[in-house]
Each structure stands twice: as C-alpha cells, then as structure tokens.
Amino acid sequence: MDVLYFAWVRERIGLPKERIDTDAATVAELVEELKAREERYAVAFADMSAIRVALDQELSPLDAPLKGVREVAFFPPMTGG
C-alpha cells in the first residue's frame, strides 16, 4: 500500500510517501509497526491525538481496518481560514 505523509509529519519522517508491505490489520497496528522501524517514525507518531488519518482519501479512525486499502495518509488536523 502507499503511505503518504503531509506537513510536519512529512518533515519529521523525511519522506512525502513510501510503498510498504504490512500485515497490520488496523491503522493503529500500522502506526506501531512504523514506530518500531526507526526513531524518526517514533517521533512523528509520538502523539497520535495530533494526527489525522485518511484511508483511500476518506477520514478514518485509528481502529479502522486496512483490508483492501490502497492508500493511507497521515496529516495534522486542518484549520479553517
């Protein structure tokens, strides 16, 4: 699946996107898998209350299943203006 990172999440990880193979069943499991990879992922995902997730461009909770998902995006909350 493609994993996309936006704004400060991208800055902390150092990549705009990557293609990964995972056995994670949910977004939360994917986050734990990514955090275990390297320190930069652990730093980026340290406070999940400050990160939103979209699965195939639809906002989703952390317990959302990943089965059949082609794209996961992580980004900070949007503000109006």
Protein backbone atom coordinates (compact mmCIF):
# COMPACT_ATOMS: atom_id res chain seq x y z
CA MET A 1 0.00 0.00 0.00
CA ASP A 2 1.04 3.60 -0.43
CA VAL A 3 1.60 5.59 2.76
CA LEU A 4 1.55 9.38 2.40
CA TYR A 5 2.83 11.92 4.92
CA PHE A 6 1.83 15.60 4.96
CA ALA A 7 3.01 18.81 6.66
CA TRP A 8 5.11 18.32 9.83
CA VAL A 9 4.58 14.54 9.71
CA ARG A 10 6.42 14.50 6.37
CA GLU A 11 9.12 16.80 7.77
CA ARG A 12 9.79 14.52 10.74
CA ILE A 13 9.86 11.34 8.67
CA GLY A 14 11.74 12.90 5.77
CA LEU A 15 9.58 11.36 3.03
CA PRO A 16 6.43 12.52 1.25
CA LYS A 17 5.34 8.92 0.61
CA GLU A 18 6.50 5.33 0.52
CA ARG A 19 5.20 1.97 -0.58
CA ILE A 20 5.08 -0.62 2.18
CA ASP A 21 4.03 -4.21 2.69
CA THR A 22 2.36 -4.80 6.02
CA ASP A 23 0.47 -7.46 7.92
CA ALA A 24 -1.17 -4.80 10.11
CA ALA A 25 -4.93 -5.29 10.42
CA THR A 26 -5.75 -1.73 11.55
CA VAL A 27 -4.34 1.77 11.28
CA ALA A 28 -3.21 1.58 14.91
CA GLU A 29 -1.22 -1.60 14.18
CA LEU A 30 0.35 0.07 11.14
CA VAL A 31 1.39 3.05 13.27
CA GLU A 32 3.03 0.72 15.82
CA GLU A 33 4.83 -1.09 13.02
CA LEU A 34 6.11 2.20 11.59
CA LYS A 35 7.17 3.50 15.02
CA ALA A 36 9.27 0.36 15.52
CA ARG A 37 11.16 0.96 12.24
CA GLU A 38 13.27 3.98 13.20
CA GLU A 39 13.42 6.85 15.66
CA ARG A 40 12.12 9.36 13.08
CA TYR A 41 8.84 7.42 12.79
CA ALA A 42 8.57 7.13 16.57
CA VAL A 43 8.98 10.91 16.86
CA ALA A 44 6.46 11.64 14.10
CA PHE A 45 3.82 9.34 15.62
CA ALA A 46 4.52 10.07 19.30
CA ASP A 47 1.23 11.97 19.77
CA MET A 48 -1.48 10.38 17.66
CA SER A 49 -4.06 12.84 19.02
CA ALA A 50 -2.32 15.42 16.79
CA ILE A 51 -2.57 13.32 13.62
CA ARG A 52 -5.49 12.55 11.35
CA VAL A 53 -5.72 9.53 9.06
CA ALA A 54 -7.37 9.04 5.69
CA LEU A 55 -7.84 5.65 4.07
CA ASP A 56 -8.30 5.89 0.32
CA GLN A 57 -8.95 9.63 0.82
CA GLU A 58 -11.64 9.16 3.49
CA LEU A 59 -11.12 10.29 7.09
CA SER A 60 -10.88 7.22 9.30
CA PRO A 61 -10.33 6.31 12.96
CA LEU A 62 -7.24 4.52 14.25
CA ASP A 63 -9.16 1.28 14.71
CA ALA A 64 -10.23 1.23 11.04
CA PRO A 65 -9.36 -1.98 9.19
CA LEU A 66 -6.73 -1.89 6.45
CA LYS A 67 -8.06 -4.82 4.42
CA GLY A 68 -8.40 -3.71 0.80
CA VAL A 69 -6.97 -0.24 1.46
CA ARG A 70 -4.62 1.07 -1.24
CA GLU A 71 -3.59 4.39 0.35
CA VAL A 72 -3.08 5.60 3.91
CA ALA A 73 -2.42 9.29 4.54
CA PHE A 74 -1.22 10.85 7.80
CA PHE A 75 -1.58 14.61 8.39
CA PRO A 76 -2.17 17.17 11.13
CA PRO A 77 -5.71 18.46 11.73
CA MET A 78 -6.84 21.06 9.24
CA THR A 79 -7.80 24.54 10.36
CA GLY A 80 -10.17 26.89 8.61
CA GLY A 81 -9.25 30.30 7.37
